[in-house]
Amino acid sequence: MIEVAFVNKMGNDMSVVNAARVSFAKVKKGKLDAKDDKLIKYLALWGHWSPFAHATMSFRIKAPIFVARQLVKHQVGLAWNEVSRRYVDDKPEFYIPFMWRKKAEDKKQGSSDEEVEYDIMHLVNVCKETYNDMLEEDIAPEMARMVLPQNMMTEWIWSGSVYAFARVCNLRNKPDAQVETRMVTHQIHKCCEEHFPISWKYLTNG
């Protein structure tokens, strides 16, 4: 099961406002008002990213390797630390759909809404058994992991600025993004929207 767990955060929408206004040696206390909302909108609209870098989020995510390898491509403003099967040899978990989306006729990549039933359990079981046999033969986990497929689940801590996560969600929440990747970014979107409602509204166009 694909999971996104909130770990912690630093700052709030007021952090963005005060980071922007420090240029004028000003600091705002109390509640945000209409001027603050207007300022955040201006910053987002014109790409003034640095005030948003003072507001951060951290998540612990569990997803298949093929999803992780799409998302790890986003590097700027983000930090990523992942479970390593060089050190971990516990029982692997797998993401196993039983209905598979067909290829989209009008896209070079992606899939259609049409589905077909297909069973891969035999392949998954062979990979699991081979991996376990290799460990029993005292083969190092860093080598035995070679036989594990891309649908194996992995976990990572992903931290970064609200601006960086907005870039991720703006790209990966689009309808042409892979469904399984959107399962992750939709949850990130909801969490960021909860903790930074004004900044997130303007960074993601609502």
C-alpha atoms as a PDB file:
ATOM      1  CA  MET A   1       0.000   0.000   0.000  1.00  0.00           C
ATOM      2  CA  ILE A   2       1.313   3.442  -0.943  1.00  0.00           C
ATOM      3  CA  GLU A   3       1.576   5.646   2.157  1.00  0.00           C
ATOM      4  CA  VAL A   4       2.612   9.240   2.902  1.00  0.00           C
ATOM      5  CA  ALA A   5       3.081  10.099   6.576  1.00  0.00           C
ATOM      6  CA  PHE A   6       3.632  13.647   7.831  1.00  0.00           C
ATOM      7  CA  VAL A   7       6.806  13.811   9.951  1.00  0.00           C
ATOM      8  CA  ASN A   8       7.175  17.483  10.872  1.00  0.00           C
ATOM      9  CA  LYS A   9       7.309  21.001   9.527  1.00  0.00           C
ATOM     10  CA  MET A  10       9.102  24.286  10.113  1.00  0.00           C
ATOM     11  CA  GLY A  11       7.317  27.603   9.831  1.00  0.00           C
ATOM     12  CA  ASN A  12       3.953  28.665   8.460  1.00  0.00           C
ATOM     13  CA  ASP A  13       2.527  31.276   6.107  1.00  0.00           C
ATOM     14  CA  MET A  14       3.728  33.996   8.473  1.00  0.00           C
ATOM     15  CA  SER A  15       7.292  32.717   8.015  1.00  0.00           C
ATOM     16  CA  VAL A  16       6.984  33.493   4.311  1.00  0.00           C
ATOM     17  CA  VAL A  17       5.655  36.986   5.009  1.00  0.00           C
ATOM     18  CA  ASN A  18       8.432  37.817   7.478  1.00  0.00           C
ATOM     19  CA  ALA A  19      11.138  36.397   5.214  1.00  0.00           C
ATOM     20  CA  ALA A  20       9.948  38.743   2.483  1.00  0.00           C
ATOM     21  CA  ARG A  21       9.608  41.803   4.725  1.00  0.00           C
ATOM     22  CA  VAL A  22      12.985  41.423   6.422  1.00  0.00           C
ATOM     23  CA  SER A  23      14.352  43.320   3.414  1.00  0.00           C
ATOM     24  CA  PHE A  24      12.725  46.394   4.976  1.00  0.00           C
ATOM     25  CA  ALA A  25      13.771  45.449   8.520  1.00  0.00           C
ATOM     26  CA  LYS A  26      10.143  44.704   9.367  1.00  0.00           C
ATOM     27  CA  VAL A  27       8.550  41.837  11.268  1.00  0.00           C
ATOM     28  CA  LYS A  28       4.868  40.960  11.427  1.00  0.00           C
ATOM     29  CA  LYS A  29       3.290  39.460  14.549  1.00  0.00           C
ATOM     30  CA  GLY A  30      -0.234  38.249  15.147  1.00  0.00           C
ATOM     31  CA  LYS A  31      -2.646  37.031  12.487  1.00  0.00           C
ATOM     32  CA  LEU A  32      -2.273  37.237   8.748  1.00  0.00           C
ATOM     33  CA  ASP A  33      -4.372  39.893   7.066  1.00  0.00           C
ATOM     34  CA  ALA A  34      -5.363  40.862   3.534  1.00  0.00           C
ATOM     35  CA  LYS A  35      -2.040  42.633   2.924  1.00  0.00           C
ATOM     36  CA  ASP A  36      -0.159  39.474   3.858  1.00  0.00           C
ATOM     37  CA  ASP A  37      -2.334  37.416   1.537  1.00  0.00           C
ATOM     38  CA  LYS A  38      -1.649  39.891  -1.265  1.00  0.00           C
ATOM     39  CA  LEU A  39       2.092  39.759  -0.583  1.00  0.00           C
ATOM     40  CA  ILE A  40       2.201  35.949  -0.709  1.00  0.00           C
ATOM     41  CA  LYS A  41       0.209  35.998  -3.940  1.00  0.00           C
ATOM     42  CA  TYR A  42       2.674  38.484  -5.449  1.00  0.00           C
ATOM     43  CA  LEU A  43       5.693  36.405  -4.414  1.00  0.00           C
ATOM     44  CA  ALA A  44       4.228  33.236  -5.917  1.00  0.00           C
ATOM     45  CA  LEU A  45       3.042  34.940  -9.110  1.00  0.00           C
ATOM     46  CA  TRP A  46       6.407  36.481  -9.887  1.00  0.00           C
ATOM     47  CA  GLY A  47       8.553  33.515  -8.853  1.00  0.00           C
ATOM     48  CA  HIS A  48      10.182  35.047  -5.787  1.00  0.00           C
ATOM     49  CA  TRP A  49      11.020  31.651  -4.342  1.00  0.00           C
ATOM     50  CA  SER A  50      13.402  32.464  -1.464  1.00  0.00           C
ATOM     51  CA  PRO A  51      10.761  33.517   1.136  1.00  0.00           C
ATOM     52  CA  PHE A  52       9.034  30.163   0.593  1.00  0.00           C
ATOM     53  CA  ALA A  53      12.306  28.338   1.305  1.00  0.00           C
ATOM     54  CA  HIS A  54      11.951  29.267   4.995  1.00  0.00           C
ATOM     55  CA  ALA A  55       8.853  27.082   5.279  1.00  0.00           C
ATOM     56  CA  THR A  56       9.580  23.361   5.135  1.00  0.00           C
ATOM     57  CA  MET A  57       7.874  19.970   5.277  1.00  0.00           C
ATOM     58  CA  SER A  58       9.119  16.454   5.990  1.00  0.00           C
ATOM     59  CA  PHE A  59       7.415  13.192   5.006  1.00  0.00           C
ATOM     60  CA  ARG A  60       8.044   9.461   5.387  1.00  0.00           C
ATOM     61  CA  ILE A  61       6.867   7.770   2.217  1.00  0.00           C
ATOM     62  CA  LYS A  62       6.304   4.139   1.286  1.00  0.00           C
ATOM     63  CA  ALA A  63       5.865   3.367  -2.404  1.00  0.00           C
ATOM     64  CA  PRO A  64       7.118   1.043  -5.151  1.00  0.00           C
ATOM     65  CA  ILE A  65      10.637   1.548  -6.467  1.00  0.00           C
ATOM     66  CA  PHE A  66       9.363   2.650  -9.886  1.00  0.00           C
ATOM     67  CA  VAL A  67       7.477   5.518  -8.204  1.00  0.00           C
ATOM     68  CA  ALA A  68      10.459   6.463  -6.033  1.00  0.00           C
ATOM     69  CA  ARG A  69      12.713   6.620  -9.097  1.00  0.00           C
ATOM     70  CA  GLN A  70      10.356   9.077 -10.775  1.00  0.00           C
ATOM     71  CA  LEU A  71      10.132  11.330  -7.736  1.00  0.00           C
ATOM     72  CA  VAL A  72      13.816  11.325  -6.790  1.00  0.00           C
ATOM     73  CA  LYS A  73      14.500  13.194 -10.029  1.00  0.00           C
ATOM     74  CA  HIS A  74      13.239  16.293  -8.211  1.00  0.00           C
ATOM     75  CA  GLN A  75      16.378  17.493  -6.440  1.00  0.00           C
ATOM     76  CA  VAL A  76      16.360  21.283  -6.000  1.00  0.00           C
ATOM     77  CA  GLY A  77      15.279  22.359  -2.524  1.00  0.00           C
ATOM     78  CA  LEU A  78      14.712  18.760  -1.394  1.00  0.00           C
ATOM     79  CA  ALA A  79      16.583  16.134   0.650  1.00  0.00           C
ATOM     80  CA  TRP A  80      16.059  12.365   0.294  1.00  0.00           C
ATOM     81  CA  ASN A  81      17.186   9.485   2.514  1.00  0.00           C
ATOM     82  CA  GLU A  82      16.017   5.990   1.586  1.00  0.00           C
ATOM     83  CA  VAL A  83      16.040   2.491   3.053  1.00  0.00           C
ATOM     84  CA  SER A  84      19.088   0.646   1.707  1.00  0.00           C
ATOM     85  CA  ARG A  85      19.039  -3.043   0.938  1.00  0.00           C
ATOM     86  CA  ARG A  86      22.783  -3.042   1.268  1.00  0.00           C
ATOM     87  CA  TYR A  87      22.075  -3.114   5.009  1.00  0.00           C
ATOM     88  CA  VAL A  88      18.469  -4.311   5.270  1.00  0.00           C
ATOM     89  CA  ASP A  89      17.543  -7.893   4.380  1.00  0.00           C
ATOM     90  CA  ASP A  90      14.098  -8.168   5.916  1.00  0.00           C
ATOM     91  CA  LYS A  91      11.158  -9.585   3.983  1.00  0.00           C
ATOM     92  CA  PRO A  92      10.475  -7.468   0.882  1.00  0.00           C
ATOM     93  CA  GLU A  93       6.964  -6.180   0.166  1.00  0.00           C
ATOM     94  CA  PHE A  94       5.544  -5.718  -3.307  1.00  0.00           C
ATOM     95  CA  TYR A  95       3.013  -3.492  -5.027  1.00  0.00           C
ATOM     96  CA  ILE A  96       0.808  -5.882  -7.003  1.00  0.00           C
ATOM     97  CA  PRO A  97      -2.079  -4.602  -9.115  1.00  0.00           C
ATOM     98  CA  PHE A  98      -4.403  -7.212 -10.564  1.00  0.00           C
ATOM     99  CA  MET A  99      -5.942  -4.853 -13.073  1.00  0.00           C
ATOM    100  CA  TRP A 100      -3.509  -3.233 -15.493  1.00  0.00           C
ATOM    101  CA  ARG A 101      -4.094  -0.067 -17.500  1.00  0.00           C
ATOM    102  CA  LYS A 102      -3.658  -0.425 -21.240  1.00  0.00           C
ATOM    103  CA  LYS A 103      -1.348   1.732 -23.321  1.00  0.00           C
ATOM    104  CA  ALA A 104      -2.834   5.049 -24.413  1.00  0.00           C
ATOM    105  CA  GLU A 105      -3.121   5.301 -28.180  1.00  0.00           C
ATOM    106  CA  ASP A 106      -2.674   9.095 -28.208  1.00  0.00           C
ATOM    107  CA  LYS A 107       0.348   9.328 -25.877  1.00  0.00           C
ATOM    108  CA  LYS A 108       4.025   8.489 -26.177  1.00  0.00           C
ATOM    109  CA  GLN A 109       3.963   7.643 -22.479  1.00  0.00           C
ATOM    110  CA  GLY A 110       1.292   6.983 -19.904  1.00  0.00           C
ATOM    111  CA  SER A 111      -1.787   4.800 -19.952  1.00  0.00           C
ATOM    112  CA  SER A 112      -5.476   4.820 -20.776  1.00  0.00           C
ATOM    113  CA  ASP A 113      -8.496   4.212 -18.556  1.00  0.00           C
ATOM    114  CA  GLU A 114      -9.057   0.821 -20.166  1.00  0.00           C
ATOM    115  CA  GLU A 115      -7.934  -2.101 -18.003  1.00  0.00           C
ATOM    116  CA  VAL A 116      -6.961  -5.708 -18.476  1.00  0.00           C
ATOM    117  CA  GLU A 117      -6.564  -8.421 -15.858  1.00  0.00           C
ATOM    118  CA  TYR A 118      -3.075  -9.876 -15.576  1.00  0.00           C
ATOM    119  CA  ASP A 119      -1.490 -11.992 -12.831  1.00  0.00           C
ATOM    120  CA  ILE A 120       2.196 -11.511 -11.967  1.00  0.00           C
ATOM    121  CA  MET A 121       2.222 -13.459  -8.695  1.00  0.00           C
ATOM    122  CA  HIS A 122       4.305 -16.275 -10.189  1.00  0.00           C
ATOM    123  CA  LEU A 123       7.059 -13.843 -11.158  1.00  0.00           C
ATOM    124  CA  VAL A 124       6.951 -12.083  -7.778  1.00  0.00           C
ATOM    125  CA  ASN A 125       7.155 -15.398  -5.931  1.00  0.00           C
ATOM    126  CA  VAL A 126      10.135 -16.511  -8.007  1.00  0.00           C
ATOM    127  CA  CYS A 127      11.951 -13.262  -7.202  1.00  0.00           C
ATOM    128  CA  LYS A 128      11.179 -13.570  -3.476  1.00  0.00           C
ATOM    129  CA  GLU A 129      12.283 -17.197  -3.323  1.00  0.00           C
ATOM    130  CA  THR A 130      15.466 -16.498  -5.252  1.00  0.00           C
ATOM    131  CA  TYR A 131      16.302 -13.568  -2.988  1.00  0.00           C
ATOM    132  CA  ASN A 132      15.736 -15.641   0.154  1.00  0.00           C
ATOM    133  CA  ASP A 133      17.788 -18.537  -1.251  1.00  0.00           C
ATOM    134  CA  MET A 134      20.673 -16.184  -1.978  1.00  0.00           C
ATOM    135  CA  LEU A 135      20.604 -14.837   1.578  1.00  0.00           C
ATOM    136  CA  GLU A 136      20.589 -18.410   2.918  1.00  0.00           C
ATOM    137  CA  GLU A 137      23.679 -19.050   0.807  1.00  0.00           C
ATOM    138  CA  ASP A 138      25.264 -16.141   2.706  1.00  0.00           C
ATOM    139  CA  ILE A 139      25.334 -13.919  -0.365  1.00  0.00           C
ATOM    140  CA  ALA A 140      25.641 -10.260   0.657  1.00  0.00           C
ATOM    141  CA  PRO A 141      22.356  -8.316   0.691  1.00  0.00           C
ATOM    142  CA  GLU A 142      23.953  -5.664  -1.546  1.00  0.00           C
ATOM    143  CA  MET A 143      24.229  -8.307  -4.280  1.00  0.00           C
ATOM    144  CA  ALA A 144      21.121 -10.366  -3.565  1.00  0.00           C
ATOM    145  CA  ARG A 145      18.954  -7.266  -4.038  1.00  0.00           C
ATOM    146  CA  MET A 146      19.717  -7.393  -7.771  1.00  0.00           C
ATOM    147  CA  VAL A 147      16.963  -9.964  -8.301  1.00  0.00           C
ATOM    148  CA  LEU A 148      14.217  -7.860  -6.704  1.00  0.00           C
ATOM    149  CA  PRO A 149      11.858  -6.184  -9.210  1.00  0.00           C
ATOM    150  CA  GLN A 150      10.807  -2.548  -9.537  1.00  0.00           C
ATOM    151  CA  ASN A 151       7.453  -3.189  -7.902  1.00  0.00           C
ATOM    152  CA  MET A 152       9.177  -3.849  -4.561  1.00  0.00           C
ATOM    153  CA  MET A 153       8.167  -1.329  -1.913  1.00  0.00           C
ATOM    154  CA  THR A 154      10.748   1.080  -0.570  1.00  0.00           C
ATOM    155  CA  GLU A 155      10.660   3.825   2.076  1.00  0.00           C
ATOM    156  CA  TRP A 156      12.277   7.231   2.295  1.00  0.00           C
ATOM    157  CA  ILE A 157      12.281  10.465   4.251  1.00  0.00           C
ATOM    158  CA  TRP A 158      11.640  13.413   1.945  1.00  0.00           C
ATOM    159  CA  SER A 159      12.163  16.934   3.252  1.00  0.00           C
ATOM    160  CA  GLY A 160      12.239  20.302   1.606  1.00  0.00           C
ATOM    161  CA  SER A 161      10.790  23.742   1.184  1.00  0.00           C
ATOM    162  CA  VAL A 162       7.138  24.321   0.492  1.00  0.00           C
ATOM    163  CA  TYR A 163       8.216  25.927  -2.782  1.00  0.00           C
ATOM    164  CA  ALA A 164      10.071  22.773  -3.849  1.00  0.00           C
ATOM    165  CA  PHE A 165       7.141  20.507  -3.010  1.00  0.00           C
ATOM    166  CA  ALA A 166       4.827  22.826  -4.936  1.00  0.00           C
ATOM    167  CA  ARG A 167       6.977  22.305  -8.035  1.00  0.00           C
ATOM    168  CA  VAL A 168       6.740  18.546  -7.544  1.00  0.00           C
ATOM    169  CA  CYS A 169       2.966  18.609  -7.131  1.00  0.00           C
ATOM    170  CA  ASN A 170       2.381  21.020 -10.016  1.00  0.00           C
ATOM    171  CA  LEU A 171       4.128  18.554 -12.317  1.00  0.00           C
ATOM    172  CA  ARG A 172       3.184  15.169 -10.865  1.00  0.00           C
ATOM    173  CA  ASN A 173      -0.477  15.902 -10.089  1.00  0.00           C
ATOM    174  CA  LYS A 174      -1.251  16.503 -13.749  1.00  0.00           C
ATOM    175  CA  PRO A 175      -3.636  14.037 -15.421  1.00  0.00           C
ATOM    176  CA  ASP A 176      -0.858  12.675 -17.651  1.00  0.00           C
ATOM    177  CA  ALA A 177       1.374  11.767 -14.691  1.00  0.00           C
ATOM    178  CA  GLN A 178       1.483   8.109 -13.680  1.00  0.00           C
ATOM    179  CA  VAL A 179      -1.431   7.145 -11.418  1.00  0.00           C
ATOM    180  CA  GLU A 180       0.769   5.533  -8.765  1.00  0.00           C
ATOM    181  CA  THR A 181       2.959   8.628  -8.591  1.00  0.00           C
ATOM    182  CA  ARG A 182      -0.123  10.795  -8.171  1.00  0.00           C
ATOM    183  CA  MET A 183      -1.097   8.637  -5.181  1.00  0.00           C
ATOM    184  CA  VAL A 184       1.974  10.071  -3.455  1.00  0.00           C
ATOM    185  CA  THR A 185       1.768  13.656  -4.648  1.00  0.00           C
ATOM    186  CA  HIS A 186      -1.956  13.985  -3.929  1.00  0.00           C
ATOM    187  CA  GLN A 187      -1.256  13.151  -0.288  1.00  0.00           C
ATOM    188  CA  ILE A 188       1.651  15.613  -0.183  1.00  0.00           C
ATOM    189  CA  HIS A 189      -0.657  18.234  -1.687  1.00  0.00           C
ATOM    190  CA  LYS A 190      -3.299  17.739   1.007  1.00  0.00           C
ATOM    191  CA  CYS A 191      -0.758  17.962   3.806  1.00  0.00           C
ATOM    192  CA  CYS A 192       0.936  21.101   2.486  1.00  0.00           C
ATOM    193  CA  GLU A 193      -2.451  22.692   1.889  1.00  0.00           C
ATOM    194  CA  GLU A 194      -3.351  22.039   5.532  1.00  0.00           C
ATOM    195  CA  HIS A 195      -0.155  23.508   7.015  1.00  0.00           C
ATOM    196  CA  PHE A 196       0.500  26.367   4.539  1.00  0.00           C
ATOM    197  CA  PRO A 197      -2.966  27.200   3.166  1.00  0.00           C
ATOM    198  CA  ILE A 198      -2.230  30.643   1.721  1.00  0.00           C
ATOM    199  CA  SER A 199       1.206  29.901   0.287  1.00  0.00           C
ATOM    200  CA  TRP A 200       0.027  26.605  -1.138  1.00  0.00           C
ATOM    201  CA  LYS A 201      -3.046  28.196  -2.731  1.00  0.00           C
ATOM    202  CA  TYR A 202      -0.934  30.588  -4.774  1.00  0.00           C
ATOM    203  CA  LEU A 203       2.011  28.262  -5.438  1.00  0.00           C
ATOM    204  CA  THR A 204      -0.308  25.637  -6.907  1.00  0.00           C
ATOM    205  CA  ASN A 205      -2.951  27.948  -8.407  1.00  0.00           C
ATOM    206  CA  GLY A 206      -5.524  26.698  -5.936  1.00  0.00           C
END
